[in-house]
Amino acid sequence: MTKKQIWQTIALDLKRAANYMFMGRHEQAQYYLVEAKSLFSGQVASKKIKKIERYIKFDGNPEDLLLSGSLILTRV
């Protein structure tokens, strides 16, 4: 996968996790959060991503996860 595809996958995983978390399906949400964290840990943040890195969250409420995914998608 290209770097852009990996960042898109991270963002989509965060959005999926938020949706599952909102529906009360925490096991499925946890699966996507773990996948997003593992992909994120292997990435080198570009200049655009470094600006929003402090806002990217992998836990908390669904709104935080949705915001994180949206921020990543707008910067990729």
PDB file of N, CA and C in Angstrom:
ATOM      1  N   MET A   1       0.834  -1.182   0.000  1.00  0.00           N
ATOM      2  CA  MET A   1       0.000   0.000   0.000  1.00  0.00           C
ATOM      3  C   MET A   1       0.879   1.245   0.000  1.00  0.00           C
ATOM      4  N   THR A   2       0.360   2.274  -0.604  1.00  0.00           N
ATOM      5  CA  THR A   2       1.080   3.540  -0.591  1.00  0.00           C
ATOM      6  C   THR A   2       0.845   4.248   0.739  1.00  0.00           C
ATOM      7  N   LYS A   3       1.618   5.285   0.983  1.00  0.00           N
ATOM      8  CA  LYS A   3       1.467   6.040   2.229  1.00  0.00           C
ATOM      9  C   LYS A   3       0.074   6.663   2.327  1.00  0.00           C
ATOM     10  N   LYS A   4      -0.409   7.163   1.205  1.00  0.00           N
ATOM     11  CA  LYS A   4      -1.732   7.772   1.195  1.00  0.00           C
ATOM     12  C   LYS A   4      -2.800   6.734   1.545  1.00  0.00           C
ATOM     13  N   GLN A   5      -2.692   5.544   0.994  1.00  0.00           N
ATOM     14  CA  GLN A   5      -3.657   4.493   1.284  1.00  0.00           C
ATOM     15  C   GLN A   5      -3.618   4.080   2.752  1.00  0.00           C
ATOM     16  N   ILE A   6      -2.430   4.062   3.319  1.00  0.00           N
ATOM     17  CA  ILE A   6      -2.305   3.700   4.736  1.00  0.00           C
ATOM     18  C   ILE A   6      -2.977   4.747   5.605  1.00  0.00           C
ATOM     19  N   TRP A   7      -2.754   6.026   5.310  1.00  0.00           N
ATOM     20  CA  TRP A   7      -3.404   7.088   6.082  1.00  0.00           C
ATOM     21  C   TRP A   7      -4.912   7.045   5.908  1.00  0.00           C
ATOM     22  N   GLN A   8      -5.381   6.742   4.718  1.00  0.00           N
ATOM     23  CA  GLN A   8      -6.819   6.620   4.487  1.00  0.00           C
ATOM     24  C   GLN A   8      -7.396   5.446   5.276  1.00  0.00           C
ATOM     25  N   THR A   9      -6.645   4.361   5.348  1.00  0.00           N
ATOM     26  CA  THR A   9      -7.085   3.198   6.113  1.00  0.00           C
ATOM     27  C   THR A   9      -7.168   3.523   7.600  1.00  0.00           C
ATOM     28  N   ILE A  10      -6.202   4.257   8.110  1.00  0.00           N
ATOM     29  CA  ILE A  10      -6.228   4.670   9.515  1.00  0.00           C
ATOM     30  C   ILE A  10      -7.481   5.501   9.784  1.00  0.00           C
ATOM     31  N   ALA A  11      -7.747   6.463   8.916  1.00  0.00           N
ATOM     32  CA  ALA A  11      -8.913   7.331   9.094  1.00  0.00           C
ATOM     33  C   ALA A  11     -10.210   6.525   9.029  1.00  0.00           C
ATOM     34  N   LEU A  12     -10.312   5.623   8.084  1.00  0.00           N
ATOM     35  CA  LEU A  12     -11.525   4.815   7.960  1.00  0.00           C
ATOM     36  C   LEU A  12     -11.690   3.872   9.141  1.00  0.00           C
ATOM     37  N   ASP A  13     -10.602   3.322   9.629  1.00  0.00           N
ATOM     38  CA  ASP A  13     -10.681   2.460  10.815  1.00  0.00           C
ATOM     39  C   ASP A  13     -11.174   3.245  12.028  1.00  0.00           C
ATOM     40  N   LEU A  14     -10.716   4.475  12.176  1.00  0.00           N
ATOM     41  CA  LEU A  14     -11.186   5.307  13.281  1.00  0.00           C
ATOM     42  C   LEU A  14     -12.678   5.601  13.153  1.00  0.00           C
ATOM     43  N   LYS A  15     -13.122   5.865  11.936  1.00  0.00           N
ATOM     44  CA  LYS A  15     -14.542   6.136  11.726  1.00  0.00           C
ATOM     45  C   LYS A  15     -15.386   4.880  11.969  1.00  0.00           C
ATOM     46  N   ARG A  16     -14.904   3.740  11.519  1.00  0.00           N
ATOM     47  CA  ARG A  16     -15.624   2.488  11.771  1.00  0.00           C
ATOM     48  C   ARG A  16     -15.714   2.218  13.269  1.00  0.00           C
ATOM     49  N   ALA A  17     -14.612   2.415  13.963  1.00  0.00           N
ATOM     50  CA  ALA A  17     -14.595   2.187  15.410  1.00  0.00           C
ATOM     51  C   ALA A  17     -15.590   3.110  16.107  1.00  0.00           C
ATOM     52  N   ALA A  18     -15.662   4.352  15.680  1.00  0.00           N
ATOM     53  CA  ALA A  18     -16.600   5.295  16.285  1.00  0.00           C
ATOM     54  C   ALA A  18     -18.037   4.844  16.071  1.00  0.00           C
ATOM     55  N   ASN A  19     -18.337   4.382  14.872  1.00  0.00           N
ATOM     56  CA  ASN A  19     -19.692   3.916  14.583  1.00  0.00           C
ATOM     57  C   ASN A  19     -20.046   2.687  15.412  1.00  0.00           C
ATOM     58  N   TYR A  20     -19.125   1.738  15.497  1.00  0.00           N
ATOM     59  CA  TYR A  20     -19.387   0.548  16.304  1.00  0.00           C
ATOM     60  C   TYR A  20     -19.515   0.910  17.780  1.00  0.00           C
ATOM     61  N   MET A  21     -18.684   1.817  18.247  1.00  0.00           N
ATOM     62  CA  MET A  21     -18.736   2.222  19.644  1.00  0.00           C
ATOM     63  C   MET A  21     -20.081   2.889  19.948  1.00  0.00           C
ATOM     64  N   PHE A  22     -20.546   3.717  19.042  1.00  0.00           N
ATOM     65  CA  PHE A  22     -21.826   4.397  19.224  1.00  0.00           C
ATOM     66  C   PHE A  22     -22.975   3.400  19.291  1.00  0.00           C
ATOM     67  N   MET A  23     -22.866   2.334  18.509  1.00  0.00           N
ATOM     68  CA  MET A  23     -23.921   1.309  18.496  1.00  0.00           C
ATOM     69  C   MET A  23     -23.796   0.333  19.659  1.00  0.00           C
ATOM     70  N   GLY A  24     -22.770   0.494  20.487  1.00  0.00           N
ATOM     71  CA  GLY A  24     -22.598  -0.374  21.643  1.00  0.00           C
ATOM     72  C   GLY A  24     -21.875  -1.666  21.338  1.00  0.00           C
ATOM     73  N   ARG A  25     -21.263  -1.774  20.191  1.00  0.00           N
ATOM     74  CA  ARG A  25     -20.533  -2.977  19.795  1.00  0.00           C
ATOM     75  C   ARG A  25     -19.043  -2.734  20.027  1.00  0.00           C
ATOM     76  N   HIS A  26     -18.654  -2.796  21.289  1.00  0.00           N
ATOM     77  CA  HIS A  26     -17.316  -2.397  21.698  1.00  0.00           C
ATOM     78  C   HIS A  26     -16.229  -3.373  21.253  1.00  0.00           C
ATOM     79  N   GLU A  27     -16.548  -4.642  21.090  1.00  0.00           N
ATOM     80  CA  GLU A  27     -15.527  -5.596  20.628  1.00  0.00           C
ATOM     81  C   GLU A  27     -15.112  -5.293  19.198  1.00  0.00           C
ATOM     82  N   GLN A  28     -16.082  -5.019  18.328  1.00  0.00           N
ATOM     83  CA  GLN A  28     -15.752  -4.670  16.945  1.00  0.00           C
ATOM     84  C   GLN A  28     -15.015  -3.334  16.900  1.00  0.00           C
ATOM     85  N   ALA A  29     -15.434  -2.397  17.735  1.00  0.00           N
ATOM     86  CA  ALA A  29     -14.756  -1.094  17.776  1.00  0.00           C
ATOM     87  C   ALA A  29     -13.304  -1.272  18.198  1.00  0.00           C
ATOM     88  N   GLN A  30     -13.074  -2.109  19.175  1.00  0.00           N
ATOM     89  CA  GLN A  30     -11.715  -2.341  19.662  1.00  0.00           C
ATOM     90  C   GLN A  30     -10.835  -2.933  18.566  1.00  0.00           C
ATOM     91  N   TYR A  31     -11.399  -3.825  17.749  1.00  0.00           N
ATOM     92  CA  TYR A  31     -10.646  -4.422  16.647  1.00  0.00           C
ATOM     93  C   TYR A  31     -10.114  -3.332  15.710  1.00  0.00           C
ATOM     94  N   TYR A  32     -10.972  -2.398  15.316  1.00  0.00           N
ATOM     95  CA  TYR A  32     -10.563  -1.346  14.392  1.00  0.00           C
ATOM     96  C   TYR A  32      -9.609  -0.351  15.055  1.00  0.00           C
ATOM     97  N   LEU A  33      -9.792  -0.112  16.343  1.00  0.00           N
ATOM     98  CA  LEU A  33      -8.868   0.783  17.045  1.00  0.00           C
ATOM     99  C   LEU A  33      -7.470   0.185  17.121  1.00  0.00           C
ATOM    100  N   VAL A  34      -7.380  -1.102  17.381  1.00  0.00           N
ATOM    101  CA  VAL A  34      -6.072  -1.771  17.434  1.00  0.00           C
ATOM    102  C   VAL A  34      -5.400  -1.724  16.062  1.00  0.00           C
ATOM    103  N   GLU A  35      -6.192  -1.963  15.022  1.00  0.00           N
ATOM    104  CA  GLU A  35      -5.632  -1.922  13.668  1.00  0.00           C
ATOM    105  C   GLU A  35      -5.145  -0.521  13.323  1.00  0.00           C
ATOM    106  N   ALA A  36      -5.928   0.500  13.666  1.00  0.00           N
ATOM    107  CA  ALA A  36      -5.531   1.882  13.380  1.00  0.00           C
ATOM    108  C   ALA A  36      -4.269   2.259  14.154  1.00  0.00           C
ATOM    109  N   LYS A  37      -4.191   1.852  15.412  1.00  0.00           N
ATOM    110  CA  LYS A  37      -2.999   2.154  16.228  1.00  0.00           C
ATOM    111  C   LYS A  37      -1.754   1.508  15.644  1.00  0.00           C
ATOM    112  N   SER A  38      -1.888   0.250  15.211  1.00  0.00           N
ATOM    113  CA  SER A  38      -0.713  -0.442  14.681  1.00  0.00           C
ATOM    114  C   SER A  38      -0.251   0.191  13.367  1.00  0.00           C
ATOM    115  N   LEU A  39      -1.185   0.588  12.518  1.00  0.00           N
ATOM    116  CA  LEU A  39      -0.802   1.262  11.279  1.00  0.00           C
ATOM    117  C   LEU A  39      -0.187   2.630  11.571  1.00  0.00           C
ATOM    118  N   PHE A  40      -0.750   3.345  12.522  1.00  0.00           N
ATOM    119  CA  PHE A  40      -0.258   4.675  12.869  1.00  0.00           C
ATOM    120  C   PHE A  40       1.147   4.624  13.446  1.00  0.00           C
ATOM    121  N   SER A  41       1.419   3.613  14.253  1.00  0.00           N
ATOM    122  CA  SER A  41       2.741   3.530  14.892  1.00  0.00           C
ATOM    123  C   SER A  41       3.854   3.304  13.875  1.00  0.00           C
ATOM    124  N   GLY A  42       3.536   2.737  12.735  1.00  0.00           N
ATOM    125  CA  GLY A  42       4.548   2.482  11.722  1.00  0.00           C
ATOM    126  C   GLY A  42       4.717   3.596  10.704  1.00  0.00           C
ATOM    127  N   GLN A  43       3.953   4.670  10.852  1.00  0.00           N
ATOM    128  CA  GLN A  43       3.992   5.747   9.869  1.00  0.00           C
ATOM    129  C   GLN A  43       4.876   6.905  10.315  1.00  0.00           C
ATOM    130  N   VAL A  44       5.483   7.541   9.349  1.00  0.00           N
ATOM    131  CA  VAL A  44       6.230   8.773   9.589  1.00  0.00           C
ATOM    132  C   VAL A  44       5.292   9.909   9.216  1.00  0.00           C
ATOM    133  N   ALA A  45       5.030  10.778  10.170  1.00  0.00           N
ATOM    134  CA  ALA A  45       4.078  11.865   9.950  1.00  0.00           C
ATOM    135  C   ALA A  45       4.657  12.922   9.025  1.00  0.00           C
ATOM    136  N   SER A  46       3.867  13.303   8.031  1.00  0.00           N
ATOM    137  CA  SER A  46       4.284  14.386   7.139  1.00  0.00           C
ATOM    138  C   SER A  46       4.055  15.721   7.846  1.00  0.00           C
ATOM    139  N   LYS A  47       4.428  16.777   7.178  1.00  0.00           N
ATOM    140  CA  LYS A  47       4.279  18.110   7.767  1.00  0.00           C
ATOM    141  C   LYS A  47       2.812  18.419   8.075  1.00  0.00           C
ATOM    142  N   LYS A  48       1.918  18.028   7.169  1.00  0.00           N
ATOM    143  CA  LYS A  48       0.489  18.273   7.370  1.00  0.00           C
ATOM    144  C   LYS A  48      -0.056  17.475   8.553  1.00  0.00           C
ATOM    145  N   ILE A  49       0.381  16.235   8.677  1.00  0.00           N
ATOM    146  CA  ILE A  49      -0.111  15.372   9.757  1.00  0.00           C
ATOM    147  C   ILE A  49       0.459  15.816  11.105  1.00  0.00           C
ATOM    148  N   LYS A  50       1.699  16.293  11.115  1.00  0.00           N
ATOM    149  CA  LYS A  50       2.301  16.742  12.376  1.00  0.00           C
ATOM    150  C   LYS A  50       1.510  17.890  13.002  1.00  0.00           C
ATOM    151  N   LYS A  51       0.875  18.704  12.167  1.00  0.00           N
ATOM    152  CA  LYS A  51       0.093  19.822  12.681  1.00  0.00           C
ATOM    153  C   LYS A  51      -1.125  19.345  13.474  1.00  0.00           C
ATOM    154  N   ILE A  52      -1.672  18.194  13.111  1.00  0.00           N
ATOM    155  CA  ILE A  52      -2.885  17.698  13.765  1.00  0.00           C
ATOM    156  C   ILE A  52      -2.629  16.497  14.665  1.00  0.00           C
ATOM    157  N   GLU A  53      -1.387  16.087  14.792  1.00  0.00           N
ATOM    158  CA  GLU A  53      -1.054  14.861  15.519  1.00  0.00           C
ATOM    159  C   GLU A  53      -1.579  14.870  16.956  1.00  0.00           C
ATOM    160  N   ARG A  54      -1.576  16.013  17.596  1.00  0.00           N
ATOM    161  CA  ARG A  54      -2.038  16.061  18.992  1.00  0.00           C
ATOM    162  C   ARG A  54      -3.548  15.889  19.099  1.00  0.00           C
ATOM    163  N   TYR A  55      -4.267  16.050  17.990  1.00  0.00           N
ATOM    164  CA  TYR A  55      -5.721  15.878  18.002  1.00  0.00           C
ATOM    165  C   TYR A  55      -6.158  14.464  17.626  1.00  0.00           C
ATOM    166  N   ILE A  56      -5.235  13.643  17.182  1.00  0.00           N
ATOM    167  CA  ILE A  56      -5.563  12.274  16.779  1.00  0.00           C
ATOM    168  C   ILE A  56      -5.648  11.418  18.031  1.00  0.00           C
ATOM    169  N   LYS A  57      -6.818  10.836  18.244  1.00  0.00           N
ATOM    170  CA  LYS A  57      -7.056  10.022  19.431  1.00  0.00           C
ATOM    171  C   LYS A  57      -7.489   8.623  19.012  1.00  0.00           C
ATOM    172  N   PHE A  58      -7.083   7.654  19.809  1.00  0.00           N
ATOM    173  CA  PHE A  58      -7.441   6.265  19.555  1.00  0.00           C
ATOM    174  C   PHE A  58      -8.281   5.687  20.687  1.00  0.00           C
ATOM    175  N   ASP A  59      -8.775   6.552  21.543  1.00  0.00           N
ATOM    176  CA  ASP A  59      -9.672   6.127  22.609  1.00  0.00           C
ATOM    177  C   ASP A  59     -10.551   7.308  22.990  1.00  0.00           C
ATOM    178  N   GLY A  60     -11.511   7.074  23.824  1.00  0.00           N
ATOM    179  CA  GLY A  60     -12.410   8.140  24.227  1.00  0.00           C
ATOM    180  C   GLY A  60     -13.783   7.939  23.642  1.00  0.00           C
ATOM    181  N   ASN A  61     -14.484   9.029  23.465  1.00  0.00           N
ATOM    182  CA  ASN A  61     -15.847   8.908  22.949  1.00  0.00           C
ATOM    183  C   ASN A  61     -15.856   8.873  21.425  1.00  0.00           C
ATOM    184  N   PRO A  62     -16.963   8.427  20.831  1.00  0.00           N
ATOM    185  CA  PRO A  62     -17.027   8.301  19.369  1.00  0.00           C
ATOM    186  C   PRO A  62     -16.790   9.609  18.619  1.00  0.00           C
ATOM    187  N   GLU A  63     -17.198  10.722  19.218  1.00  0.00           N
ATOM    188  CA  GLU A  63     -17.005  12.006  18.537  1.00  0.00           C
ATOM    189  C   GLU A  63     -15.527  12.327  18.344  1.00  0.00           C
ATOM    190  N   ASP A  64     -14.704  11.995  19.340  1.00  0.00           N
ATOM    191  CA  ASP A  64     -13.258  12.216  19.217  1.00  0.00           C
ATOM    192  C   ASP A  64     -12.663  11.361  18.111  1.00  0.00           C
ATOM    193  N   LEU A  65     -13.130  10.124  18.006  1.00  0.00           N
ATOM    194  CA  LEU A  65     -12.623   9.232  16.965  1.00  0.00           C
ATOM    195  C   LEU A  65     -13.035   9.718  15.577  1.00  0.00           C
ATOM    196  N   LEU A  66     -14.287  10.165  15.457  1.00  0.00           N
ATOM    197  CA  LEU A  66     -14.743  10.694  14.167  1.00  0.00           C
ATOM    198  C   LEU A  66     -13.953  11.935  13.769  1.00  0.00           C
ATOM    199  N   LEU A  67     -13.713  12.805  14.736  1.00  0.00           N
ATOM    200  CA  LEU A  67     -12.926  14.009  14.451  1.00  0.00           C
ATOM    201  C   LEU A  67     -11.521  13.639  14.006  1.00  0.00           C
ATOM    202  N   SER A  68     -10.914  12.677  14.677  1.00  0.00           N
ATOM    203  CA  SER A  68      -9.561  12.238  14.301  1.00  0.00           C
ATOM    204  C   SER A  68      -9.534  11.720  12.866  1.00  0.00           C
ATOM    205  N   GLY A  69     -10.493  10.864  12.540  1.00  0.00           N
ATOM    206  CA  GLY A  69     -10.553  10.322  11.174  1.00  0.00           C
ATOM    207  C   GLY A  69     -10.776  11.397  10.142  1.00  0.00           C
ATOM    208  N   SER A  70     -11.648  12.349  10.434  1.00  0.00           N
ATOM    209  CA  SER A  70     -11.931  13.433   9.486  1.00  0.00           C
ATOM    210  C   SER A  70     -10.707  14.327   9.298  1.00  0.00           C
ATOM    211  N   LEU A  71     -10.013  14.625  10.378  1.00  0.00           N
ATOM    212  CA  LEU A  71      -8.813  15.457  10.272  1.00  0.00           C
ATOM    213  C   LEU A  71      -7.751  14.790   9.400  1.00  0.00           C
ATOM    214  N   ILE A  72      -7.582  13.493   9.586  1.00  0.00           N
ATOM    215  CA  ILE A  72      -6.591  12.769   8.782  1.00  0.00           C
ATOM    216  C   ILE A  72      -6.978  12.805   7.317  1.00  0.00           C
ATOM    217  N   LEU A  73      -8.263  12.540   7.020  1.00  0.00           N
ATOM    218  CA  LEU A  73      -8.686  12.529   5.620  1.00  0.00           C
ATOM    219  C   LEU A  73      -8.530  13.877   4.939  1.00  0.00           C
ATOM    220  N   THR A  74      -8.725  14.963   5.677  1.00  0.00           N
ATOM    221  CA  THR A  74      -8.571  16.278   5.058  1.00  0.00           C
ATOM    222  C   THR A  74      -7.108  16.624   4.805  1.00  0.00           C
ATOM    223  N   ARG A  75      -6.195  15.996   5.520  1.00  0.00           N
ATOM    224  CA  ARG A  75      -4.772  16.301   5.356  1.00  0.00           C
ATOM    225  C   ARG A  75      -4.071  15.380   4.361  1.00  0.00           C
ATOM    226  N   VAL A  76      -4.690  14.280   4.030  1.00  0.00           N
ATOM    227  CA  VAL A  76      -4.065  13.307   3.121  1.00  0.00           C
ATOM    228  C   VAL A  76      -4.319  13.713   1.730  1.00  0.00           C
TER     229      VAL A  76
END
